[in-house]
Protein backbone atom coordinates (compact mmCIF):
# COMPACT_ATOMS: atom_id res chain seq x y z
CA PHE A 1 -5.52 5.50 -13.56
CA ILE A 2 -6.42 1.83 -13.68
CA THR A 3 -9.21 2.51 -11.19
CA ASP A 4 -10.93 4.70 -13.78
CA LEU A 5 -11.10 2.05 -16.52
CA PRO A 6 -14.63 0.99 -17.44
CA VAL A 7 -15.57 -2.54 -16.46
CA THR A 8 -16.34 -3.37 -20.11
CA TYR A 9 -12.67 -2.78 -20.94
CA LEU A 10 -11.63 -5.12 -18.14
CA GLU A 11 -14.20 -7.70 -19.24
CA TRP A 12 -12.61 -7.71 -22.69
CA PHE A 13 -9.24 -8.52 -21.13
CA GLN A 14 -10.87 -11.24 -19.04
CA ARG A 15 -12.14 -12.89 -22.23
CA LYS A 16 -9.00 -12.36 -24.34
CA GLY A 17 -6.37 -12.67 -21.63
CA PHE A 18 -4.61 -10.14 -19.46
CA PRO A 19 -1.08 -9.12 -20.47
CA SER A 20 1.77 -10.73 -18.60
CA GLY A 21 3.63 -8.94 -15.87
CA ILE A 22 2.66 -6.35 -13.30
CA LEU A 23 0.22 -4.52 -15.58
CA GLY A 24 -1.72 -7.73 -16.21
CA GLN A 25 -1.86 -8.44 -12.47
CA GLN A 26 -3.13 -4.93 -11.78
CA LEU A 27 -5.78 -5.15 -14.51
CA SER A 28 -6.89 -8.56 -13.27
CA THR A 29 -7.14 -7.29 -9.70
CA MET A 30 -9.15 -4.26 -10.82
CA PHE A 31 -11.47 -6.57 -12.77
CA GLU A 32 -12.11 -8.62 -9.61
CA ILE A 33 -12.66 -5.50 -7.50
CA LYS A 34 -15.13 -3.97 -9.94
CA THR A 35 -17.08 -7.13 -10.81
CA ASN A 36 -17.46 -8.02 -7.13
CA GLY A 37 -18.70 -4.55 -6.14
CA LEU A 38 -15.68 -3.77 -3.96
CA GLU A 39 -14.81 -0.35 -5.38
CA ASP A 40 -15.41 1.28 -1.99
CA ILE A 41 -12.17 -0.24 -0.71
CA LEU A 42 -10.33 2.01 -3.16
CA ASP A 43 -11.77 5.28 -1.80
CA PRO A 44 -9.14 5.85 0.94
CA ILE A 45 -6.33 5.18 -1.52
CA LYS A 46 -7.84 7.47 -4.16
CA LYS A 47 -8.26 10.26 -1.60
CA LYS A 48 -4.70 9.88 -0.34
CA TYR A 49 -3.17 10.12 -3.81
CA GLN A 50 -5.66 12.51 -5.44
CA TRP A 51 -3.03 15.25 -5.67
CA ASN A 52 -1.00 13.16 -8.13
CA ARG A 53 -3.65 13.67 -10.80
CA LEU A 54 -3.04 17.39 -10.82
CA GLN A 55 0.68 17.16 -11.57
């Protein structure tokens, strides 16, 4: 999941450029969430969709 990527990976994309399209938007958003200490806002979403990881 994108939420599990380490911030150093996202920082590399920030320096080199995020890919175009939806994936780039998602990576950029995750970078902003992680670097601004907002990861707690993801907890309800992660809990709701936790079962998907097991399939």
